[in-house]
Amino acid sequence: MKTIETVVNVTPERQIIVQLPPDIPAGEYQVVIVLNESVKSDQLVVKNQAKRFEYSDYPVGLVADNFTFRREDLYDR
């Protein structure tokens, strides 16, 4: 089972077109479609993108986009 999350446009004919990733082979599949309320493009949240968390007057977030907490980075090994 594979989960694919995307945003689609429903045509006036009540159809949607979805481009699947290349690792999905051709064939017959059972598909479940869950429709949430329509969203505006400025409301979309891009996953894997660092977001800032505002707490009071102190901005909290990543120090830098390339900053990691890997053991190799922390202990110089």
PDB file of N, CA and C in Angstrom:
ATOM      1  N   MET A   1       0.844  -1.163   0.000  1.00  0.00           N
ATOM      2  CA  MET A   1       0.000   0.000   0.000  1.00  0.00           C
ATOM      3  C   MET A   1       0.897   1.236   0.000  1.00  0.00           C
ATOM      4  N   LYS A   2       0.524   2.226  -0.765  1.00  0.00           N
ATOM      5  CA  LYS A   2       1.278   3.467  -0.863  1.00  0.00           C
ATOM      6  C   LYS A   2       0.299   4.624  -0.710  1.00  0.00           C
ATOM      7  N   THR A   3       0.696   5.637   0.053  1.00  0.00           N
ATOM      8  CA  THR A   3      -0.127   6.826   0.235  1.00  0.00           C
ATOM      9  C   THR A   3       0.483   7.977  -0.544  1.00  0.00           C
ATOM     10  N   ILE A   4      -0.326   8.637  -1.343  1.00  0.00           N
ATOM     11  CA  ILE A   4       0.111   9.782  -2.124  1.00  0.00           C
ATOM     12  C   ILE A   4      -0.792  10.948  -1.750  1.00  0.00           C
ATOM     13  N   GLU A   5      -0.189  12.031  -1.261  1.00  0.00           N
ATOM     14  CA  GLU A   5      -0.962  13.211  -0.888  1.00  0.00           C
ATOM     15  C   GLU A   5      -0.664  14.321  -1.886  1.00  0.00           C
ATOM     16  N   THR A   6      -1.705  14.887  -2.483  1.00  0.00           N
ATOM     17  CA  THR A   6      -1.527  15.922  -3.488  1.00  0.00           C
ATOM     18  C   THR A   6      -2.750  16.825  -3.506  1.00  0.00           C
ATOM     19  N   VAL A   7      -2.689  17.878  -4.258  1.00  0.00           N
ATOM     20  CA  VAL A   7      -3.827  18.774  -4.467  1.00  0.00           C
ATOM     21  C   VAL A   7      -4.263  18.623  -5.910  1.00  0.00           C
ATOM     22  N   VAL A   8      -5.571  18.492  -6.126  1.00  0.00           N
ATOM     23  CA  VAL A   8      -6.099  18.325  -7.474  1.00  0.00           C
ATOM     24  C   VAL A   8      -7.181  19.364  -7.741  1.00  0.00           C
ATOM     25  N   ASN A   9      -7.432  19.611  -9.004  1.00  0.00           N
ATOM     26  CA  ASN A   9      -8.542  20.463  -9.430  1.00  0.00           C
ATOM     27  C   ASN A   9      -9.635  19.569  -9.972  1.00  0.00           C
ATOM     28  N   VAL A  10     -10.859  19.813  -9.533  1.00  0.00           N
ATOM     29  CA  VAL A  10     -12.009  19.073 -10.041  1.00  0.00           C
ATOM     30  C   VAL A  10     -12.595  19.889 -11.185  1.00  0.00           C
ATOM     31  N   THR A  11     -12.724  19.260 -12.338  1.00  0.00           N
ATOM     32  CA  THR A  11     -13.256  19.953 -13.518  1.00  0.00           C
ATOM     33  C   THR A  11     -14.770  20.112 -13.380  1.00  0.00           C
ATOM     34  N   PRO A  12     -15.370  20.952 -14.220  1.00  0.00           N
ATOM     35  CA  PRO A  12     -16.843  21.081 -14.195  1.00  0.00           C
ATOM     36  C   PRO A  12     -17.548  19.753 -14.481  1.00  0.00           C
ATOM     37  N   GLU A  13     -16.851  18.825 -15.151  1.00  0.00           N
ATOM     38  CA  GLU A  13     -17.425  17.495 -15.424  1.00  0.00           C
ATOM     39  C   GLU A  13     -17.220  16.551 -14.245  1.00  0.00           C
ATOM     40  N   ARG A  14     -16.711  17.073 -13.125  1.00  0.00           N
ATOM     41  CA  ARG A  14     -16.446  16.292 -11.886  1.00  0.00           C
ATOM     42  C   ARG A  14     -15.371  15.232 -12.108  1.00  0.00           C
ATOM     43  N   GLN A  15     -14.331  15.594 -12.843  1.00  0.00           N
ATOM     44  CA  GLN A  15     -13.220  14.689 -13.080  1.00  0.00           C
ATOM     45  C   GLN A  15     -11.941  15.270 -12.490  1.00  0.00           C
ATOM     46  N   ILE A  16     -11.021  14.388 -12.145  1.00  0.00           N
ATOM     47  CA  ILE A  16      -9.698  14.808 -11.698  1.00  0.00           C
ATOM     48  C   ILE A  16      -8.655  14.042 -12.507  1.00  0.00           C
ATOM     49  N   ILE A  17      -7.500  14.653 -12.693  1.00  0.00           N
ATOM     50  CA  ILE A  17      -6.382  13.996 -13.375  1.00  0.00           C
ATOM     51  C   ILE A  17      -5.215  14.009 -12.399  1.00  0.00           C
ATOM     52  N   VAL A  18      -4.624  12.854 -12.182  1.00  0.00           N
ATOM     53  CA  VAL A  18      -3.527  12.727 -11.226  1.00  0.00           C
ATOM     54  C   VAL A  18      -2.320  12.136 -11.934  1.00  0.00           C
ATOM     55  N   GLN A  19      -1.176  12.790 -11.805  1.00  0.00           N
ATOM     56  CA  GLN A  19       0.081  12.262 -12.335  1.00  0.00           C
ATOM     57  C   GLN A  19       0.752  11.475 -11.212  1.00  0.00           C
ATOM     58  N   LEU A  20       0.942  10.191 -11.423  1.00  0.00           N
ATOM     59  CA  LEU A  20       1.546   9.342 -10.404  1.00  0.00           C
ATOM     60  C   LEU A  20       3.058   9.318 -10.535  1.00  0.00           C
ATOM     61  N   PRO A  21       3.753   9.014  -9.438  1.00  0.00           N
ATOM     62  CA  PRO A  21       5.213   8.924  -9.491  1.00  0.00           C
ATOM     63  C   PRO A  21       5.650   7.800 -10.430  1.00  0.00           C
ATOM     64  N   PRO A  22       6.865   7.880 -10.949  1.00  0.00           N
ATOM     65  CA  PRO A  22       7.332   6.877 -11.912  1.00  0.00           C
ATOM     66  C   PRO A  22       7.500   5.479 -11.327  1.00  0.00           C
ATOM     67  N   ASP A  23       7.550   5.343  -9.999  1.00  0.00           N
ATOM     68  CA  ASP A  23       7.733   4.010  -9.414  1.00  0.00           C
ATOM     69  C   ASP A  23       6.418   3.231  -9.294  1.00  0.00           C
ATOM     70  N   ILE A  24       5.310   3.785  -9.765  1.00  0.00           N
ATOM     71  CA  ILE A  24       4.028   3.083  -9.761  1.00  0.00           C
ATOM     72  C   ILE A  24       3.851   2.411 -11.118  1.00  0.00           C
ATOM     73  N   PRO A  25       3.870   1.079 -11.163  1.00  0.00           N
ATOM     74  CA  PRO A  25       3.712   0.393 -12.449  1.00  0.00           C
ATOM     75  C   PRO A  25       2.260   0.445 -12.929  1.00  0.00           C
ATOM     76  N   ALA A  26       2.087   0.323 -14.227  1.00  0.00           N
ATOM     77  CA  ALA A  26       0.747   0.294 -14.810  1.00  0.00           C
ATOM     78  C   ALA A  26       0.003  -0.923 -14.290  1.00  0.00           C
ATOM     79  N   GLY A  27      -1.283  -0.802 -14.156  1.00  0.00           N
ATOM     80  CA  GLY A  27      -2.088  -1.926 -13.683  1.00  0.00           C
ATOM     81  C   GLY A  27      -3.355  -1.417 -13.011  1.00  0.00           C
ATOM     82  N   GLU A  28      -4.100  -2.345 -12.455  1.00  0.00           N
ATOM     83  CA  GLU A  28      -5.359  -2.022 -11.790  1.00  0.00           C
ATOM     84  C   GLU A  28      -5.124  -1.929 -10.290  1.00  0.00           C
ATOM     85  N   TYR A  29      -5.646  -0.883  -9.673  1.00  0.00           N
ATOM     86  CA  TYR A  29      -5.454  -0.640  -8.239  1.00  0.00           C
ATOM     87  C   TYR A  29      -6.777  -0.266  -7.594  1.00  0.00           C
ATOM     88  N   GLN A  30      -6.899  -0.548  -6.321  1.00  0.00           N
ATOM     89  CA  GLN A  30      -8.005  -0.020  -5.534  1.00  0.00           C
ATOM     90  C   GLN A  30      -7.552   1.339  -5.014  1.00  0.00           C
ATOM     91  N   VAL A  31      -8.372   2.367  -5.217  1.00  0.00           N
ATOM     92  CA  VAL A  31      -8.005   3.730  -4.845  1.00  0.00           C
ATOM     93  C   VAL A  31      -9.064   4.282  -3.902  1.00  0.00           C
ATOM     94  N   VAL A  32      -8.612   4.961  -2.851  1.00  0.00           N
ATOM     95  CA  VAL A  32      -9.511   5.639  -1.924  1.00  0.00           C
ATOM     96  C   VAL A  32      -9.265   7.138  -2.071  1.00  0.00           C
ATOM     97  N   ILE A  33     -10.321   7.896  -2.300  1.00  0.00           N
ATOM     98  CA  ILE A  33     -10.197   9.342  -2.468  1.00  0.00           C
ATOM     99  C   ILE A  33     -10.875  10.014  -1.279  1.00  0.00           C
ATOM    100  N   VAL A  34     -10.128  10.865  -0.588  1.00  0.00           N
ATOM    101  CA  VAL A  34     -10.663  11.632   0.532  1.00  0.00           C
ATOM    102  C   VAL A  34     -10.655  13.092   0.120  1.00  0.00           C
ATOM    103  N   LEU A  35     -11.807  13.728   0.139  1.00  0.00           N
ATOM    104  CA  LEU A  35     -11.902  15.126  -0.271  1.00  0.00           C
ATOM    105  C   LEU A  35     -12.042  16.008   0.963  1.00  0.00           C
ATOM    106  N   ASN A  36     -11.083  16.915   1.150  1.00  0.00           N
ATOM    107  CA  ASN A  36     -11.179  17.942   2.172  1.00  0.00           C
ATOM    108  C   ASN A  36     -11.758  19.188   1.530  1.00  0.00           C
ATOM    109  N   GLU A  37     -12.101  20.160   2.346  1.00  0.00           N
ATOM    110  CA  GLU A  37     -12.585  21.421   1.788  1.00  0.00           C
ATOM    111  C   GLU A  37     -11.532  21.996   0.859  1.00  0.00           C
ATOM    112  N   SER A  38     -11.970  22.766  -0.121  1.00  0.00           N
ATOM    113  CA  SER A  38     -11.009  23.335  -1.060  1.00  0.00           C
ATOM    114  C   SER A  38     -10.097  24.309  -0.322  1.00  0.00           C
ATOM    115  N   VAL A  39      -8.844  24.355  -0.749  1.00  0.00           N
ATOM    116  CA  VAL A  39      -7.859  25.225  -0.126  1.00  0.00           C
ATOM    117  C   VAL A  39      -7.334  26.211  -1.149  1.00  0.00           C
ATOM    118  N   LYS A  40      -6.964  27.384  -0.680  1.00  0.00           N
ATOM    119  CA  LYS A  40      -6.336  28.370  -1.547  1.00  0.00           C
ATOM    120  C   LYS A  40      -4.855  28.063  -1.611  1.00  0.00           C
ATOM    121  N   SER A  41      -4.204  28.452  -2.689  1.00  0.00           N
ATOM    122  CA  SER A  41      -2.790  28.124  -2.864  1.00  0.00           C
ATOM    123  C   SER A  41      -1.930  28.712  -1.763  1.00  0.00           C
ATOM    124  N   ASP A  42      -2.339  29.843  -1.157  1.00  0.00           N
ATOM    125  CA  ASP A  42      -1.534  30.418  -0.087  1.00  0.00           C
ATOM    126  C   ASP A  42      -1.726  29.688   1.238  1.00  0.00           C
ATOM    127  N   GLN A  43      -2.687  28.748   1.308  1.00  0.00           N
ATOM    128  CA  GLN A  43      -2.919  27.974   2.516  1.00  0.00           C
ATOM    129  C   GLN A  43      -2.185  26.635   2.490  1.00  0.00           C
ATOM    130  N   LEU A  44      -1.602  26.274   1.349  1.00  0.00           N
ATOM    131  CA  LEU A  44      -0.938  24.986   1.235  1.00  0.00           C
ATOM    132  C   LEU A  44       0.324  24.966   2.077  1.00  0.00           C
ATOM    133  N   VAL A  45       0.558  23.858   2.751  1.00  0.00           N
ATOM    134  CA  VAL A  45       1.760  23.698   3.560  1.00  0.00           C
ATOM    135  C   VAL A  45       2.692  22.762   2.825  1.00  0.00           C
ATOM    136  N   VAL A  46       3.898  23.202   2.585  1.00  0.00           N
ATOM    137  CA  VAL A  46       4.888  22.375   1.919  1.00  0.00           C
ATOM    138  C   VAL A  46       5.622  21.589   2.988  1.00  0.00           C
ATOM    139  N   LYS A  47       5.534  20.270   2.893  1.00  0.00           N
ATOM    140  CA  LYS A  47       6.224  19.434   3.865  1.00  0.00           C
ATOM    141  C   LYS A  47       7.720  19.470   3.619  1.00  0.00           C
ATOM    142  N   ASN A  48       8.475  19.115   4.623  1.00  0.00           N
ATOM    143  CA  ASN A  48       9.935  19.114   4.578  1.00  0.00           C
ATOM    144  C   ASN A  48      10.497  20.521   4.399  1.00  0.00           C
ATOM    145  N   GLN A  49       9.741  21.516   4.724  1.00  0.00           N
ATOM    146  CA  GLN A  49      10.229  22.882   4.659  1.00  0.00           C
ATOM    147  C   GLN A  49      10.204  23.426   6.083  1.00  0.00           C
ATOM    148  N   ALA A  50      11.335  23.938   6.536  1.00  0.00           N
ATOM    149  CA  ALA A  50      11.434  24.441   7.900  1.00  0.00           C
ATOM    150  C   ALA A  50      10.496  25.624   8.083  1.00  0.00           C
ATOM    151  N   LYS A  51       9.705  25.566   9.145  1.00  0.00           N
ATOM    152  CA  LYS A  51       8.796  26.651   9.454  1.00  0.00           C
ATOM    153  C   LYS A  51       9.226  27.279  10.768  1.00  0.00           C
ATOM    154  N   ARG A  52       9.048  28.584  10.889  1.00  0.00           N
ATOM    155  CA  ARG A  52       9.383  29.268  12.114  1.00  0.00           C
ATOM    156  C   ARG A  52       8.201  29.195  13.064  1.00  0.00           C
ATOM    157  N   PHE A  53       8.510  28.999  14.326  1.00  0.00           N
ATOM    158  CA  PHE A  53       7.502  28.962  15.370  1.00  0.00           C
ATOM    159  C   PHE A  53       7.631  30.245  16.179  1.00  0.00           C
ATOM    160  N   GLU A  54       6.606  31.048  16.178  1.00  0.00           N
ATOM    161  CA  GLU A  54       6.656  32.310  16.902  1.00  0.00           C
ATOM    162  C   GLU A  54       6.108  32.088  18.313  1.00  0.00           C
ATOM    163  N   TYR A  55       6.922  32.392  19.298  1.00  0.00           N
ATOM    164  CA  TYR A  55       6.514  32.299  20.681  1.00  0.00           C
ATOM    165  C   TYR A  55       6.783  33.650  21.314  1.00  0.00           C
ATOM    166  N   SER A  56       5.724  34.341  21.610  1.00  0.00           N
ATOM    167  CA  SER A  56       5.846  35.668  22.198  1.00  0.00           C
ATOM    168  C   SER A  56       6.699  36.553  21.294  1.00  0.00           C
ATOM    169  N   ASP A  57       7.723  37.187  21.835  1.00  0.00           N
ATOM    170  CA  ASP A  57       8.579  38.072  21.052  1.00  0.00           C
ATOM    171  C   ASP A  57       9.849  37.376  20.588  1.00  0.00           C
ATOM    172  N   TYR A  58       9.979  36.090  20.854  1.00  0.00           N
ATOM    173  CA  TYR A  58      11.217  35.387  20.557  1.00  0.00           C
ATOM    174  C   TYR A  58      10.997  34.403  19.411  1.00  0.00           C
ATOM    175  N   PRO A  59      11.564  34.676  18.221  1.00  0.00           N
ATOM    176  CA  PRO A  59      11.410  33.716  17.121  1.00  0.00           C
ATOM    177  C   PRO A  59      12.202  32.442  17.403  1.00  0.00           C
ATOM    178  N   VAL A  60      11.556  31.319  17.235  1.00  0.00           N
ATOM    179  CA  VAL A  60      12.187  30.027  17.483  1.00  0.00           C
ATOM    180  C   VAL A  60      12.157  29.242  16.180  1.00  0.00           C
ATOM    181  N   GLY A  61      13.265  28.608  15.836  1.00  0.00           N
ATOM    182  CA  GLY A  61      13.308  27.811  14.620  1.00  0.00           C
ATOM    183  C   GLY A  61      14.702  27.261  14.433  1.00  0.00           C
ATOM    184  N   LEU A  62      14.997  26.768  13.245  1.00  0.00           N
ATOM    185  CA  LEU A  62      16.317  26.246  12.967  1.00  0.00           C
ATOM    186  C   LEU A  62      17.333  27.373  12.927  1.00  0.00           C
ATOM    187  N   VAL A  63      18.533  27.091  13.379  1.00  0.00           N
ATOM    188  CA  VAL A  63      19.598  28.089  13.340  1.00  0.00           C
ATOM    189  C   VAL A  63      19.927  28.423  11.895  1.00  0.00           C
ATOM    190  N   ALA A  64      20.056  27.404  11.087  1.00  0.00           N
ATOM    191  CA  ALA A  64      20.305  27.560   9.658  1.00  0.00           C
ATOM    192  C   ALA A  64      19.720  26.349   8.943  1.00  0.00           C
ATOM    193  N   ASP A  65      19.425  26.506   7.663  1.00  0.00           N
ATOM    194  CA  ASP A  65      18.838  25.410   6.901  1.00  0.00           C
ATOM    195  C   ASP A  65      19.753  24.197   6.818  1.00  0.00           C
ATOM    196  N   ASN A  66      21.063  24.403   6.837  1.00  0.00           N
ATOM    197  CA  ASN A  66      22.001  23.292   6.706  1.00  0.00           C
ATOM    198  C   ASN A  66      22.491  22.779   8.059  1.00  0.00           C
ATOM    199  N   PHE A  67      21.934  23.245   9.152  1.00  0.00           N
ATOM    200  CA  PHE A  67      22.346  22.815  10.483  1.00  0.00           C
ATOM    201  C   PHE A  67      21.681  21.484  10.813  1.00  0.00           C
ATOM    202  N   THR A  68      22.478  20.511  11.245  1.00  0.00           N
ATOM    203  CA  THR A  68      21.933  19.199  11.587  1.00  0.00           C
ATOM    204  C   THR A  68      22.396  18.794  12.978  1.00  0.00           C
ATOM    205  N   PHE A  69      21.782  17.767  13.499  1.00  0.00           N
ATOM    206  CA  PHE A  69      22.167  17.228  14.794  1.00  0.00           C
ATOM    207  C   PHE A  69      22.700  15.804  14.654  1.00  0.00           C
ATOM    208  N   ARG A  70      23.360  15.522  13.552  1.00  0.00           N
ATOM    209  CA  ARG A  70      23.936  14.195  13.365  1.00  0.00           C
ATOM    210  C   ARG A  70      25.108  14.013  14.316  1.00  0.00           C
ATOM    211  N   ARG A  71      25.304  12.800  14.764  1.00  0.00           N
ATOM    212  CA  ARG A  71      26.392  12.497  15.694  1.00  0.00           C
ATOM    213  C   ARG A  71      27.744  12.924  15.113  1.00  0.00           C
ATOM    214  N   GLU A  72      27.940  12.678  13.817  1.00  0.00           N
ATOM    215  CA  GLU A  72      29.204  13.034  13.185  1.00  0.00           C
ATOM    216  C   GLU A  72      29.446  14.548  13.232  1.00  0.00           C
ATOM    217  N   ASP A  73      28.379  15.308  13.112  1.00  0.00           N
ATOM    218  CA  ASP A  73      28.513  16.762  13.149  1.00  0.00           C
ATOM    219  C   ASP A  73      28.753  17.284  14.565  1.00  0.00           C
ATOM    220  N   LEU A  74      28.146  16.613  15.544  1.00  0.00           N
ATOM    221  CA  LEU A  74      28.273  17.079  16.933  1.00  0.00           C
ATOM    222  C   LEU A  74      29.616  16.728  17.553  1.00  0.00           C
ATOM    223  N   TYR A  75      30.159  15.556  17.229  1.00  0.00           N
ATOM    224  CA  TYR A  75      31.353  15.061  17.913  1.00  0.00           C
ATOM    225  C   TYR A  75      32.585  15.004  17.032  1.00  0.00           C
ATOM    226  N   ASP A  76      32.563  15.562  15.837  1.00  0.00           N
ATOM    227  CA  ASP A  76      33.720  15.590  14.946  1.00  0.00           C
ATOM    228  C   ASP A  76      34.345  14.230  14.725  1.00  0.00           C
ATOM    229  N   ARG A  77      33.546  13.226  14.463  1.00  0.00           N
ATOM    230  CA  ARG A  77      34.075  11.884  14.209  1.00  0.00           C
ATOM    231  C   ARG A  77      33.936  11.533  12.781  1.00  0.00           C
TER     232      ARG A  77
END
